[in-house]
Amino acid sequence: MTAPLLQVKAVETYYGNIRALSGVDVEVHRGEIVSLIGANGAGKSTLMMTICGSPQARTGTVMFDGHDITRLPTHEIARMRIAQSPEGRRIFPRMTVFENLQMGASLDNLKHFDEDVEKIFRLFPRLKERQAQRGGTLSGGEQQMLSIGRALMARPKLLLLDEPSLGLAPLIVKGIFEAIKKLNKEEGLTVFLVEQNAFGALKLSDRAYVLVNGRVTMSGTGKDLLANPEVRAAYLEGGRH
């Protein structure tokens, strides 16, 4: 089997003296959608940020596309074409939709700029209608679309999505998950997804990991974990979001 595009091995991450991740092993292969599920505070976002170099892992390694990126600064990791749509969206509220997309474009890929913007507008037609509008005036769902669109402008080899469904109406969540699936299916985009909406994430994913108190406690195909009684009891009871 070919080497994973992303390999997190025995990673431990700390905030001061507090250990947030404890010996985490995760792999993402090219063309996969892999999700990481777990309760609030389990360390999911910390793992995403560790992959991006802030904070850096204290021990263990993060390999991407055959390179050790564990000690690289965030801007160098981004240059290797890892793009993130962070938790809380973090768009530029005073900039227009179009300007936000410009900010996501890689300087190396400016010759593809018009083509890439059109692709984002086809994926999220609402953004085309709102392209001259300031980001801060968009709805939560539109801001999430913009955050994903801005990440896609970098033409990533790996797209990191941190809680894309957080605080959004079910219909909007469905549309965003469908867009992720479309990108993966039609363009082979590799996606690593952190989600509290376990049902939606597992349904979408080829494989998944369960994170509990900074440790991976379970892994398997999305289908297997959906059917797992422990996973169902902990994350899926009480409705399908």
Protein backbone atom coordinates (compact mmCIF):
# COMPACT_ATOMS: atom_id res chain seq x y z
CA MET A 1 0.00 0.00 0.00
CA THR A 2 1.25 3.50 -0.80
CA ALA A 3 2.36 5.76 2.03
CA PRO A 4 -0.38 7.92 3.57
CA LEU A 5 -0.67 11.52 2.40
CA LEU A 6 -0.91 12.51 6.07
CA GLN A 7 0.50 10.45 8.92
CA VAL A 8 0.28 11.55 12.54
CA LYS A 9 2.38 9.21 14.69
CA ALA A 10 2.53 9.05 18.51
CA VAL A 11 1.80 12.78 18.75
CA GLU A 12 1.59 14.50 22.12
CA THR A 13 0.62 18.17 22.28
CA TYR A 14 0.64 20.35 25.37
CA TYR A 15 -0.74 23.73 26.40
CA GLY A 16 1.79 24.70 29.04
CA ASN A 17 1.87 21.70 31.40
CA ILE A 18 -1.51 20.39 30.31
CA ARG A 19 -1.40 17.47 27.89
CA ALA A 20 -4.10 17.88 25.24
CA LEU A 21 -3.14 14.99 22.93
CA SER A 22 -1.69 11.71 24.14
CA GLY A 23 0.06 9.37 21.68
CA VAL A 24 -2.30 10.08 18.77
CA ASP A 25 -1.94 7.98 15.57
CA VAL A 26 -3.97 8.99 12.52
CA GLU A 27 -3.53 8.29 8.79
CA VAL A 28 -5.21 9.87 5.78
CA HIS A 29 -4.61 8.39 2.32
CA ARG A 30 -4.96 10.23 -0.98
CA GLY A 31 -8.54 10.56 -2.17
CA GLU A 32 -10.08 9.67 1.20
CA ILE A 33 -12.52 11.50 3.42
CA VAL A 34 -11.49 10.72 6.99
CA SER A 35 -13.33 12.09 9.99
CA LEU A 36 -12.41 12.57 13.62
CA ILE A 37 -15.35 12.50 16.00
CA GLY A 38 -15.53 13.04 19.74
CA ALA A 39 -17.16 15.10 22.45
CA ASN A 40 -16.51 18.79 22.94
CA GLY A 41 -13.08 19.22 24.56
CA ALA A 42 -11.76 15.82 23.39
CA GLY A 43 -8.84 17.47 21.56
CA LYS A 44 -10.16 17.38 17.99
CA SER A 45 -9.35 21.02 17.14
CA THR A 46 -5.98 20.69 18.90
CA LEU A 47 -5.07 17.88 16.50
CA MET A 48 -6.05 20.04 13.52
CA MET A 49 -3.93 22.92 14.82
CA THR A 50 -1.00 20.60 15.57
CA ILE A 51 -1.05 19.39 11.95
CA CYS A 52 -0.83 23.06 10.93
CA GLY A 53 2.07 23.69 13.32
CA SER A 54 0.44 25.85 15.97
CA PRO A 55 0.89 24.49 18.59
CA GLN A 56 3.66 22.12 17.53
CA ALA A 57 3.71 18.54 18.76
CA ARG A 58 6.03 18.12 21.74
CA THR A 59 6.71 14.49 20.83
CA GLY A 60 5.84 12.28 17.87
CA THR A 61 5.85 13.15 14.17
CA VAL A 62 3.54 14.65 11.56
CA MET A 63 4.38 13.51 8.02
CA PHE A 64 2.77 15.05 4.94
CA ASP A 65 3.37 13.88 1.38
CA GLY A 66 6.62 12.20 2.43
CA HIS A 67 7.95 15.23 4.36
CA ASP A 68 8.36 15.63 8.12
CA ILE A 69 6.40 18.82 8.92
CA THR A 70 6.39 18.42 12.73
CA ARG A 71 8.70 21.39 13.36
CA LEU A 72 7.81 23.57 10.39
CA PRO A 73 6.19 26.98 10.91
CA THR A 74 2.54 27.29 9.86
CA HIS A 75 3.18 29.40 6.73
CA GLU A 76 5.58 26.76 5.36
CA ILE A 77 3.05 24.00 6.03
CA ALA A 78 0.38 26.01 4.16
CA ARG A 79 2.80 26.40 1.24
CA MET A 80 2.91 22.60 0.98
CA ARG A 81 -0.80 22.84 0.09
CA ILE A 82 -2.52 21.96 3.31
CA ALA A 83 -5.51 24.31 3.61
CA GLN A 84 -7.76 24.70 6.62
CA SER A 85 -11.28 25.94 7.14
CA PRO A 86 -10.99 26.61 10.87
CA GLU A 87 -13.54 26.24 13.64
CA GLY A 88 -15.60 29.43 13.92
CA ARG A 89 -15.04 30.16 10.20
CA ARG A 90 -12.76 33.18 10.79
CA ILE A 91 -13.45 34.95 7.54
CA PHE A 92 -12.43 38.60 7.10
CA PRO A 93 -15.70 40.36 8.08
CA ARG A 94 -14.91 43.78 6.55
CA MET A 95 -13.80 42.33 3.23
CA THR A 96 -16.22 41.35 0.49
CA VAL A 97 -16.86 37.72 -0.44
CA PHE A 98 -14.66 38.19 -3.52
CA GLU A 99 -11.84 39.75 -1.48
CA ASN A 100 -11.99 36.88 1.02
CA LEU A 101 -11.55 34.44 -1.86
CA GLN A 102 -8.60 36.51 -3.14
CA MET A 103 -6.97 36.17 0.30
CA GLY A 104 -7.16 32.38 0.02
CA ALA A 105 -5.50 32.18 -3.38
CA SER A 106 -1.96 30.86 -3.45
CA LEU A 107 0.56 33.25 -5.01
CA ASP A 108 1.86 30.27 -7.02
CA ASN A 109 -1.56 29.68 -8.61
CA LEU A 110 -2.66 33.18 -9.63
CA LYS A 111 -2.80 32.12 -13.28
CA HIS A 112 -5.70 29.86 -12.28
CA PHE A 113 -7.44 32.54 -10.21
CA ASP A 114 -10.47 33.23 -12.45
CA GLU A 115 -11.01 29.52 -13.08
CA ASP A 116 -10.81 28.75 -9.36
CA VAL A 117 -13.25 31.51 -8.38
CA GLU A 118 -15.74 30.21 -10.95
CA LYS A 119 -15.37 26.71 -9.51
CA ILE A 120 -16.18 28.04 -6.00
CA PHE A 121 -19.21 29.90 -7.38
CA ARG A 122 -20.47 26.72 -9.09
CA LEU A 123 -20.01 24.80 -5.84
CA PHE A 124 -21.67 27.51 -3.73
CA PRO A 125 -23.97 29.60 -5.99
CA ARG A 126 -25.00 31.71 -2.97
CA LEU A 127 -21.47 33.15 -2.84
CA LYS A 128 -21.73 34.30 -6.45
CA GLU A 129 -24.90 36.24 -5.59
CA ARG A 130 -23.14 37.76 -2.56
CA GLN A 131 -19.68 38.36 -4.06
CA ALA A 132 -19.76 42.15 -3.51
CA GLN A 133 -21.18 41.83 0.02
CA ARG A 134 -19.04 42.14 3.14
CA GLY A 135 -18.27 38.81 4.80
CA GLY A 136 -19.53 39.97 8.18
CA THR A 137 -23.05 40.55 6.81
CA LEU A 138 -23.47 36.95 5.57
CA SER A 139 -25.51 34.32 7.37
CA GLY A 140 -23.68 31.62 9.35
CA GLY A 141 -24.14 29.11 6.55
CA GLU A 142 -22.87 31.53 3.91
CA GLN A 143 -19.84 32.35 6.06
CA GLN A 144 -19.08 28.61 6.31
CA MET A 145 -19.32 28.28 2.53
CA LEU A 146 -16.95 31.24 2.21
CA SER A 147 -14.50 29.73 4.69
CA ILE A 148 -14.41 26.47 2.71
CA GLY A 149 -14.23 28.37 -0.60
CA ARG A 150 -11.31 30.47 0.65
CA ALA A 151 -9.44 27.27 1.67
CA LEU A 152 -10.12 25.71 -1.75
CA MET A 153 -8.60 28.73 -3.52
CA ALA A 154 -5.17 27.46 -2.41
CA ARG A 155 -5.72 24.31 -4.54
CA PRO A 156 -4.97 22.08 -1.54
CA LYS A 157 -3.71 18.51 -1.64
CA LEU A 158 -5.34 18.14 1.77
CA LEU A 159 -8.36 20.07 3.03
CA LEU A 160 -8.77 20.28 6.81
CA LEU A 161 -12.32 21.07 7.93
CA ASP A 162 -12.86 21.92 11.58
CA GLU A 163 -16.51 21.69 12.68
CA PRO A 164 -18.08 22.84 9.38
CA SER A 165 -21.61 22.10 10.64
CA LEU A 166 -21.30 23.95 13.96
CA GLY A 167 -24.34 26.11 14.72
CA LEU A 168 -25.93 25.67 11.30
CA ALA A 169 -29.45 24.60 10.33
CA PRO A 170 -29.77 20.96 9.18
CA LEU A 171 -30.59 21.93 5.59
CA ILE A 172 -27.46 24.09 5.32
CA VAL A 173 -25.37 21.29 6.88
CA LYS A 174 -26.73 18.85 4.29
CA GLY A 175 -25.70 21.22 1.47
CA ILE A 176 -22.18 21.66 2.87
CA PHE A 177 -21.67 17.91 3.33
CA GLU A 178 -22.91 17.33 -0.24
CA ALA A 179 -20.39 19.90 -1.52
CA ILE A 180 -17.56 18.11 0.34
CA LYS A 181 -18.65 14.77 -1.13
CA LYS A 182 -18.79 16.27 -4.62
CA LEU A 183 -15.26 17.69 -4.35
CA ASN A 184 -13.97 14.35 -3.18
CA LYS A 185 -15.77 12.32 -5.83
CA GLU A 186 -15.22 14.57 -8.85
CA GLU A 187 -11.77 15.97 -8.08
CA GLY A 188 -10.31 13.34 -5.77
CA LEU A 189 -9.79 15.94 -3.05
CA THR A 190 -8.47 14.46 0.20
CA VAL A 191 -10.41 15.68 3.23
CA PHE A 192 -9.75 15.39 6.97
CA LEU A 193 -12.87 16.41 8.83
CA VAL A 194 -13.35 17.18 12.53
CA GLU A 195 -17.02 17.01 13.53
CA GLN A 196 -19.33 16.88 16.51
CA ASN A 197 -22.14 15.89 14.14
CA ALA A 198 -21.05 12.24 14.29
CA PHE A 199 -23.90 10.85 12.18
CA GLY A 200 -23.26 13.25 9.27
CA ALA A 201 -19.49 12.82 9.46
CA LEU A 202 -19.51 9.01 9.58
CA LYS A 203 -22.02 8.79 6.75
CA LEU A 204 -19.77 10.98 4.61
CA SER A 205 -16.43 9.35 5.50
CA ASP A 206 -14.46 6.43 4.13
CA ARG A 207 -12.82 5.97 7.54
CA ALA A 208 -13.02 7.60 10.94
CA TYR A 209 -11.34 7.87 14.34
CA VAL A 210 -12.91 8.44 17.74
CA LEU A 211 -11.02 10.78 20.08
CA VAL A 212 -11.67 10.67 23.84
CA ASN A 213 -9.70 12.89 26.25
CA GLY A 214 -6.84 13.34 23.78
CA ARG A 215 -6.54 9.65 22.87
CA VAL A 216 -7.75 7.70 19.84
CA THR A 217 -9.96 4.99 21.31
CA MET A 218 -11.44 3.50 18.15
CA SER A 219 -11.08 3.56 14.36
CA GLY A 220 -12.70 1.90 11.40
CA THR A 221 -14.75 2.55 8.28
CA GLY A 222 -17.47 5.15 8.56
CA LYS A 223 -20.02 2.40 7.99
CA ASP A 224 -18.60 0.17 10.76
CA LEU A 225 -18.48 2.97 13.31
CA LEU A 226 -22.06 4.00 12.46
CA ALA A 227 -23.12 0.47 13.37
CA ASN A 228 -20.89 0.19 16.45
CA PRO A 229 -23.01 0.02 19.65
CA GLU A 230 -20.48 2.00 21.73
CA VAL A 231 -20.31 4.78 19.14
CA ARG A 232 -24.08 4.80 18.79
CA ALA A 233 -24.57 5.09 22.55
CA ALA A 234 -21.98 7.84 22.99
CA TYR A 235 -22.49 9.96 19.87
CA LEU A 236 -25.56 8.95 17.87
CA GLU A 237 -28.39 8.50 20.33
CA GLY A 238 -30.92 11.28 20.48
CA GLY A 239 -31.39 11.87 16.80
CA ARG A 240 -29.61 12.28 13.51
CA HIS A 241 -28.59 15.88 13.02
